Amino acid sequence: MLKMSIKPQWQLERDDGRQLMPHLVSLLAKVHETHTLVEASAQMGLSYRYAWGLLQEGQRAFGVPLVKMVRGRGAQLTPLGEKLVWADKRIAARLSPLLDSLASELEVEVERALSHAQNILRLHASHGFAVQTLRQSLLHEQVPIELKYRNVQEALSSLNGDGCDLAGFHVPLGELQHAALQHYLASLRPDKHRLVHLATRRQGLMVAPRNPKNICGVADLARPGVSYVNRHEGSGTRLLLDLLLQRERLDGRAIQGYDNCEFTHAAVAAYVASGMADAGLGVEPAARRFELEFLPVASERYFFVCNAKLLDAPMMQRILDTLRSREFQRAVNALPGYDSAGCGAVLRLAEAFPELAQAAPGNKRPHRPAGVATAD
């Protein structure tokens, strides 16, 4: 099976449409990473003279330097140079999941054309690092899968409309579990659906290094002078924030930036790391990737929902074998804040959430945590 790769790329153009310095942003990113123009140019396969010429051309185009040379400290980006690099990082964080999804579709189309394979499983799930790891593992094992990134509500709707075979679904552990589960009950079929456990992961507030705004929890997001970047409506992380705010008796409208949304954990982290917001909620690998402080607020379980009859399908068995493999679980455990315990276990809804069995007709409704609203 061929692996497709689509990478985001942007360029600067002059007024006459002529491309300006095609390698400039990549060179600035390498300087930011290595703190030396010599090493940056070497890693890019450019001569030092050519790299220096790029920086000079950039300075002439913008009217200000992009890099400054500091004796004994190598090369440092100027404020404009940093803005260009962080713009590049935000573009990659925002678009890469969408492009990965498109690459997965192309892989499947090529596979069907070459082998006439029809029984390729369709997975719709919110973007996450364990999901991304699964796709990479399946590609390595030559197991085709069509992956589309969707939020939880969209994925479950797609499953019930026969638009996919597996739907990503995650809910927090502990006191918030019941309230979160209420948002999805209308889309879950206890008699028809089964849950395949993927991982447990930590969600937390991502803030700048050394936490300059002294943010300790979600209550601090409503303080004057604190800006936030949110996840899009319908995402499980957005729901988690809303439940945390309800617990603190806070209204999201009191938070500066509550309506400012990004599509993925990585995009939120890049937004915070670039200084455009003081905090965002996301999983730990995103924070570590962008060298942010991470303040855990909740753990959650991530499942794939499928129809019970799918479990006997040969392609589903191959995916279950991958999930249960030592190699895959080792890769998941290497992700900060992720735990693969129980990975590949198949559960009925009532086994994963015993309160559903208690709330069945004729049974007493489960206890509802005080102060937490539900969406019955």
Protein backbone atom coordinates (compact mmCIF):
# COMPACT_ATOMS: atom_id res chain seq x y z
CA MET A 1 0.00 0.00 0.00
CA LEU A 2 1.36 3.41 -0.98
CA LYS A 3 1.59 6.15 1.65
CA MET A 4 0.44 9.62 0.62
CA SER A 5 1.85 12.76 2.19
CA ILE A 6 0.51 16.29 1.67
CA LYS A 7 2.34 19.14 3.37
CA PRO A 8 1.14 22.73 3.85
CA GLN A 9 3.34 25.34 2.21
CA TRP A 10 2.99 29.10 1.88
CA GLN A 11 5.01 31.69 0.05
CA LEU A 12 5.56 35.42 -0.12
CA GLU A 13 4.97 37.26 -3.38
CA ARG A 14 5.79 40.73 -4.65
CA ASP A 15 3.14 43.06 -6.04
CA ASP A 16 3.95 41.85 -9.55
CA GLY A 17 3.21 38.24 -8.54
CA ARG A 18 6.86 37.15 -8.53
CA GLN A 19 7.65 34.71 -5.72
CA LEU A 20 9.81 36.19 -2.97
CA MET A 21 12.56 34.07 -1.46
CA PRO A 22 11.05 30.55 -1.65
CA HIS A 23 13.29 29.14 1.10
CA LEU A 24 13.17 32.13 3.46
CA VAL A 25 10.57 30.96 5.98
CA SER A 26 12.10 27.47 6.16
CA LEU A 27 15.52 29.04 6.75
CA LEU A 28 14.14 31.24 9.53
CA ALA A 29 12.57 28.19 11.17
CA LYS A 30 15.93 26.40 11.12
CA VAL A 31 17.69 29.43 12.58
CA HIS A 32 15.06 29.50 15.34
CA GLU A 33 15.75 25.81 15.99
CA THR A 34 19.57 25.79 15.81
CA HIS A 35 20.43 29.40 16.79
CA THR A 36 23.15 29.43 14.16
CA LEU A 37 23.05 30.33 10.49
CA VAL A 38 25.87 27.92 9.69
CA GLU A 39 23.99 24.89 11.04
CA ALA A 40 20.64 26.08 9.66
CA SER A 41 21.98 26.42 6.12
CA ALA A 42 23.80 23.06 6.38
CA GLN A 43 20.64 21.23 7.49
CA MET A 44 18.75 22.73 4.54
CA GLY A 45 21.48 21.81 2.06
CA LEU A 46 22.17 25.47 1.28
CA SER A 47 25.52 27.22 1.12
CA TYR A 48 26.18 29.76 3.83
CA ARG A 49 26.59 32.44 1.16
CA TYR A 50 23.17 31.64 -0.36
CA ALA A 51 21.50 31.59 3.09
CA TRP A 52 23.05 34.94 3.99
CA GLY A 53 21.83 36.33 0.67
CA LEU A 54 18.28 35.17 1.48
CA LEU A 55 18.34 37.03 4.78
CA GLN A 56 19.64 40.17 3.08
CA GLU A 57 16.95 39.96 0.41
CA GLY A 58 14.35 39.53 3.14
CA GLN A 59 15.64 42.58 4.95
CA ARG A 60 15.42 44.64 1.76
CA ALA A 61 11.88 43.41 1.08
CA PHE A 62 10.53 44.09 4.57
CA GLY A 63 12.67 47.06 5.41
CA VAL A 64 13.80 45.55 8.73
CA PRO A 65 16.19 42.68 9.65
CA LEU A 66 14.78 39.20 10.17
CA VAL A 67 17.83 37.79 11.98
CA LYS A 68 20.42 39.44 14.19
CA MET A 69 23.89 38.07 14.84
CA VAL A 70 24.94 38.20 18.50
CA ARG A 71 28.58 37.67 19.42
CA GLY A 72 28.95 34.45 21.37
CA ARG A 73 25.24 33.61 21.02
CA GLY A 74 24.94 32.82 17.32
CA ALA A 75 21.90 33.95 15.36
CA GLN A 76 18.60 35.13 16.83
CA LEU A 77 15.34 35.98 15.11
CA THR A 78 14.06 39.54 15.30
CA PRO A 79 10.41 40.10 16.30
CA LEU A 80 9.33 40.04 12.63
CA GLY A 81 11.37 36.90 11.98
CA GLU A 82 9.66 35.22 14.93
CA LYS A 83 6.22 36.24 13.66
CA LEU A 84 6.94 34.66 10.26
CA VAL A 85 8.13 31.42 11.89
CA TRP A 86 5.13 31.21 14.21
CA ALA A 87 2.78 31.92 11.32
CA ASP A 88 4.33 28.92 9.57
CA LYS A 89 3.90 26.74 12.68
CA ARG A 90 0.25 27.77 13.07
CA ILE A 91 -0.45 27.03 9.42
CA ALA A 92 1.07 23.55 9.76
CA ALA A 93 -0.77 22.82 13.03
CA ARG A 94 -4.09 24.00 11.61
CA LEU A 95 -3.91 22.36 8.17
CA SER A 96 -1.88 19.17 8.69
CA PRO A 97 -4.79 17.10 10.11
CA LEU A 98 -7.03 18.15 7.22
CA LEU A 99 -4.33 17.29 4.71
CA ASP A 100 -3.68 13.95 6.47
CA SER A 101 -7.38 13.19 6.12
CA LEU A 102 -7.24 14.00 2.41
CA ALA A 103 -4.09 11.89 2.04
CA SER A 104 -5.93 8.96 3.66
CA GLU A 105 -8.76 9.31 1.14
CA LEU A 106 -6.27 9.32 -1.74
CA GLU A 107 -4.50 6.26 -0.34
CA VAL A 108 -7.79 4.37 -0.25
CA GLU A 109 -8.73 5.42 -3.79
CA VAL A 110 -5.36 4.22 -5.11
CA GLU A 111 -5.64 0.98 -3.14
CA ARG A 112 -9.10 0.30 -4.56
CA ALA A 113 -7.92 1.03 -8.07
CA LEU A 114 -4.92 -1.28 -7.76
CA SER A 115 -6.45 -4.19 -5.86
CA HIS A 116 -10.20 -3.67 -6.30
CA ALA A 117 -10.48 -3.80 -2.50
CA GLN A 118 -13.92 -2.77 -1.31
CA ASN A 119 -13.95 -3.72 2.38
CA ILE A 120 -11.84 -0.83 3.63
CA LEU A 121 -12.93 0.41 7.02
CA ARG A 122 -13.95 4.04 7.37
CA LEU A 123 -12.90 5.79 10.56
CA HIS A 124 -14.29 9.20 11.52
CA ALA A 125 -12.70 10.65 14.64
CA SER A 126 -11.55 13.88 16.23
CA HIS A 127 -7.87 14.55 15.67
CA GLY A 128 -5.75 13.04 18.41
CA PHE A 129 -2.23 11.74 18.77
CA ALA A 130 -3.23 8.11 19.45
CA VAL A 131 -5.51 8.17 16.40
CA GLN A 132 -2.64 9.55 14.35
CA THR A 133 -0.37 6.81 15.74
CA LEU A 134 -2.93 4.16 14.75
CA ARG A 135 -3.02 5.42 11.17
CA GLN A 136 0.77 5.29 10.97
CA SER A 137 0.84 1.77 12.41
CA LEU A 138 -1.80 0.51 9.99
CA LEU A 139 0.08 2.02 7.05
CA HIS A 140 3.24 0.26 8.21
CA GLU A 141 1.33 -3.03 8.37
CA GLN A 142 -0.23 -2.44 4.93
CA VAL A 143 -3.74 -2.26 6.40
CA PRO A 144 -5.81 0.30 4.47
CA ILE A 145 -8.18 2.53 6.40
CA GLU A 146 -10.07 5.64 5.33
CA LEU A 147 -9.62 8.27 8.05
CA LYS A 148 -11.58 11.50 8.22
CA TYR A 149 -11.23 13.93 11.09
CA ARG A 150 -14.60 14.89 12.58
CA ASN A 151 -15.74 16.08 15.98
CA VAL A 152 -17.54 13.61 18.25
CA GLN A 153 -21.05 14.68 17.30
CA GLU A 154 -20.26 14.53 13.59
CA ALA A 155 -18.56 11.13 13.91
CA LEU A 156 -21.47 9.56 15.79
CA SER A 157 -23.97 11.00 13.34
CA SER A 158 -21.92 9.60 10.48
CA LEU A 159 -21.87 6.15 12.13
CA ASN A 160 -25.64 6.13 12.55
CA GLY A 161 -26.09 7.31 8.96
CA ASP A 162 -23.79 4.54 7.63
CA GLY A 163 -21.23 7.15 6.65
CA CYS A 164 -18.45 5.37 8.57
CA ASP A 165 -17.69 2.10 10.33
CA LEU A 166 -15.86 3.45 13.38
CA ALA A 167 -16.55 6.71 15.21
CA GLY A 168 -14.22 8.37 17.70
CA PHE A 169 -15.81 9.10 21.06
CA HIS A 170 -14.22 10.39 24.29
CA VAL A 171 -15.58 11.34 27.70
CA PRO A 172 -13.90 12.52 30.93
CA LEU A 173 -13.44 10.24 33.89
CA GLY A 174 -14.77 11.05 37.34
CA GLU A 175 -17.52 13.46 38.33
CA LEU A 176 -17.89 14.99 34.85
CA GLN A 177 -18.44 11.66 33.08
CA HIS A 178 -22.19 11.49 33.58
CA ALA A 179 -22.86 15.04 32.40
CA ALA A 180 -20.64 14.56 29.33
CA LEU A 181 -22.31 11.26 28.49
CA GLN A 182 -25.72 12.92 28.41
CA HIS A 183 -24.65 14.91 25.34
CA TYR A 184 -24.12 11.74 23.31
CA LEU A 185 -26.80 9.35 24.57
CA ALA A 186 -29.19 10.15 21.73
CA SER A 187 -26.56 8.86 19.26
CA LEU A 188 -25.61 5.70 21.18
CA ARG A 189 -27.48 2.38 20.75
CA PRO A 190 -26.79 0.01 23.68
CA ASP A 191 -28.29 -2.97 21.82
CA LYS A 192 -26.40 -2.26 18.61
CA HIS A 193 -23.14 -0.47 19.42
CA ARG A 194 -19.89 -1.70 20.93
CA LEU A 195 -16.97 0.35 22.22
CA VAL A 196 -13.35 -0.41 21.35
CA HIS A 197 -11.03 1.15 23.91
CA LEU A 198 -8.12 3.13 22.46
CA ALA A 199 -6.43 4.95 25.34
CA THR A 200 -6.76 7.10 28.41
CA ARG A 201 -5.28 10.57 28.05
CA ARG A 202 -4.85 13.77 30.04
CA GLN A 203 -6.36 17.10 29.10
CA GLY A 204 -4.98 20.29 30.59
CA LEU A 205 -4.46 24.00 30.21
CA MET A 206 -1.54 24.91 27.96
CA VAL A 207 0.17 28.16 28.97
CA ALA A 208 3.40 29.97 28.11
CA PRO A 209 6.67 28.76 29.68
CA ARG A 210 6.97 29.71 33.37
CA ASN A 211 3.26 30.56 33.33
CA PRO A 212 3.63 34.37 33.32
CA LYS A 213 -0.10 34.97 33.94
CA ASN A 214 -0.04 32.59 36.94
CA ILE A 215 -2.96 30.54 35.60
CA CYS A 216 -3.78 27.67 37.96
CA GLY A 217 -7.19 26.46 36.74
CA VAL A 218 -10.19 27.22 34.54
CA ALA A 219 -11.46 29.84 37.01
CA ASP A 220 -8.42 31.97 36.14
CA LEU A 221 -9.49 32.11 32.49
CA ALA A 222 -12.17 34.66 33.41
CA ARG A 223 -9.66 37.03 35.00
CA PRO A 224 -9.17 40.42 33.32
CA GLY A 225 -6.12 40.45 31.07
CA VAL A 226 -6.17 36.69 30.37
CA SER A 227 -6.89 35.65 26.78
CA TYR A 228 -8.01 32.18 25.70
CA VAL A 229 -8.19 30.17 22.48
CA ASN A 230 -11.00 27.60 22.34
CA ARG A 231 -11.79 24.45 20.39
CA HIS A 232 -14.62 24.51 17.86
CA GLU A 233 -18.21 23.87 18.88
CA GLY A 234 -19.11 20.18 18.86
CA SER A 235 -15.66 18.98 19.91
CA GLY A 236 -15.25 16.89 23.06
CA THR A 237 -12.62 19.29 24.38
CA ARG A 238 -15.02 22.23 24.02
CA LEU A 239 -17.62 20.22 25.94
CA LEU A 240 -15.07 19.43 28.66
CA LEU A 241 -14.29 23.13 29.10
CA ASP A 242 -17.99 23.99 29.34
CA LEU A 243 -18.52 21.34 32.02
CA LEU A 244 -15.50 22.60 33.96
CA LEU A 245 -16.87 26.13 33.74
CA GLN A 246 -20.30 24.96 34.96
CA ARG A 247 -18.62 23.36 37.94
CA GLU A 248 -17.00 26.70 38.73
CA ARG A 249 -20.32 28.50 38.06
CA LEU A 250 -18.72 30.56 35.29
CA ASP A 251 -20.14 31.67 31.95
CA GLY A 252 -17.93 31.16 28.91
CA ARG A 253 -18.88 34.64 27.70
CA ALA A 254 -16.84 36.03 30.58
CA ILE A 255 -13.67 34.62 28.99
CA GLN A 256 -11.77 36.78 26.53
CA GLY A 257 -11.34 34.66 23.39
CA TYR A 258 -14.02 32.05 24.19
CA ASP A 259 -15.37 32.38 20.63
CA ASN A 260 -11.88 32.29 19.09
CA CYS A 261 -11.60 28.68 17.91
CA GLU A 262 -9.07 26.26 16.43
CA PHE A 263 -9.69 22.80 14.96
CA THR A 264 -6.99 20.71 16.68
CA HIS A 265 -5.00 20.43 19.90
CA ALA A 266 -1.82 21.26 18.01
CA ALA A 267 -3.34 24.39 16.49
CA VAL A 268 -4.40 25.57 19.96
CA ALA A 269 -0.87 24.94 21.26
CA ALA A 270 0.70 26.82 18.35
CA TYR A 271 -1.66 29.73 18.96
CA VAL A 272 -0.61 29.96 22.60
CA ALA A 273 3.09 29.44 21.83
CA SER A 274 3.04 32.29 19.32
CA GLY A 275 1.79 34.65 22.03
CA MET A 276 -1.66 35.20 20.50
CA ALA A 277 -3.42 33.77 23.57
CA ASP A 278 -2.44 33.10 27.18
CA ALA A 279 -4.08 29.69 27.50
CA GLY A 280 -5.86 26.88 25.68
CA LEU A 281 -7.22 23.46 26.64
CA GLY A 282 -5.72 20.39 25.00
CA VAL A 283 -3.82 17.14 25.37
CA GLU A 284 -0.29 16.95 26.72
CA PRO A 285 1.65 15.98 23.53
CA ALA A 286 0.55 19.24 21.89
CA ALA A 287 1.88 21.26 24.82
CA ARG A 288 5.19 19.40 24.82
CA ARG A 289 5.60 19.80 21.07
CA PHE A 290 5.46 23.58 21.42
CA GLU A 291 7.39 23.72 24.71
CA LEU A 292 4.44 25.00 26.74
CA GLU A 293 3.61 24.49 30.40
CA PHE A 294 0.87 21.89 30.91
CA LEU A 295 -1.58 22.06 33.82
CA PRO A 296 -3.66 18.82 33.99
CA VAL A 297 -7.38 19.31 34.62
CA ALA A 298 -9.00 15.98 33.66
CA SER A 299 -8.37 12.48 32.33
CA GLU A 300 -10.61 10.96 29.71
CA ARG A 301 -11.15 7.69 27.89
CA TYR A 302 -11.06 7.57 24.11
CA PHE A 303 -13.12 4.87 22.35
CA PHE A 304 -14.10 3.86 18.87
CA VAL A 305 -17.82 3.12 18.53
CA CYS A 306 -18.90 0.50 16.00
CA ASN A 307 -21.80 -1.80 15.21
CA ALA A 308 -21.51 -5.16 16.96
CA LYS A 309 -21.80 -7.08 13.68
CA LEU A 310 -18.62 -5.41 12.42
CA LEU A 311 -16.45 -7.12 15.03
CA ASP A 312 -16.29 -10.39 13.08
CA ALA A 313 -15.20 -8.72 9.82
CA PRO A 314 -11.63 -9.68 8.80
CA MET A 315 -10.54 -6.04 8.39
CA MET A 316 -11.84 -5.19 11.87
CA GLN A 317 -9.96 -8.13 13.30
CA ARG A 318 -6.74 -6.80 11.76
CA ILE A 319 -7.34 -3.42 13.40
CA LEU A 320 -8.04 -5.08 16.75
CA ASP A 321 -4.82 -7.09 16.39
CA THR A 322 -2.92 -3.84 15.85
CA LEU A 323 -4.54 -2.17 18.86
CA ARG A 324 -3.66 -5.15 21.05
CA SER A 325 -0.09 -5.43 19.80
CA ARG A 326 2.82 -4.67 22.09
CA GLU A 327 4.39 -2.39 19.48
CA PHE A 328 1.34 -0.17 19.11
CA GLN A 329 0.72 0.07 22.84
CA ARG A 330 4.36 0.97 23.38
CA ALA A 331 3.99 3.78 20.84
CA VAL A 332 0.86 5.09 22.59
CA ASN A 333 2.54 4.97 26.01
CA ALA A 334 5.38 7.06 24.59
CA LEU A 335 2.91 9.92 24.06
CA PRO A 336 3.00 12.26 27.10
CA GLY A 337 -0.10 11.82 29.23
CA TYR A 338 -1.37 8.74 27.34
CA ASP A 339 -1.97 5.27 28.82
CA SER A 340 -2.69 2.27 26.60
CA ALA A 341 -4.02 0.01 29.39
CA GLY A 342 -7.03 -1.84 28.01
CA CYS A 343 -6.25 -0.86 24.42
CA GLY A 344 -8.24 -3.06 22.03
CA ALA A 345 -10.77 -4.18 24.65
CA VAL A 346 -14.32 -4.50 23.29
CA LEU A 347 -17.04 -3.36 25.67
CA ARG A 348 -20.77 -3.02 25.75
CA LEU A 349 -21.94 0.48 26.62
CA ALA A 350 -23.16 -0.68 30.04
CA GLU A 351 -19.76 -2.24 30.75
CA ALA A 352 -17.94 1.00 30.00
CA PHE A 353 -20.59 3.12 31.72
CA PRO A 354 -22.40 1.14 34.46
CA GLU A 355 -24.69 4.11 35.13
CA LEU A 356 -26.41 3.37 31.81
CA ALA A 357 -27.54 0.00 33.11
CA GLN A 358 -28.78 1.63 36.32
CA ALA A 359 -30.74 4.19 34.30
CA ALA A 360 -32.47 1.55 32.14
CA PRO A 361 -36.30 1.47 32.25
CA GLY A 362 -37.48 0.27 35.66
CA ASN A 363 -34.19 1.18 37.33
CA LYS A 364 -33.46 4.20 39.46
CA ARG A 365 -31.78 7.08 37.63
CA PRO A 366 -28.12 7.50 38.58
CA HIS A 367 -26.98 10.24 40.91
CA ARG A 368 -26.33 13.51 39.09
CA PRO A 369 -23.41 15.58 40.43
CA ALA A 370 -24.68 18.77 42.01
CA GLY A 371 -24.25 21.93 39.98
CA VAL A 372 -23.63 20.14 36.67
CA ALA A 373 -26.21 20.77 33.99
CA THR A 374 -27.13 18.06 31.52
CA ALA A 375 -28.58 17.98 28.04
CA ASP A 376 -31.41 15.48 28.39
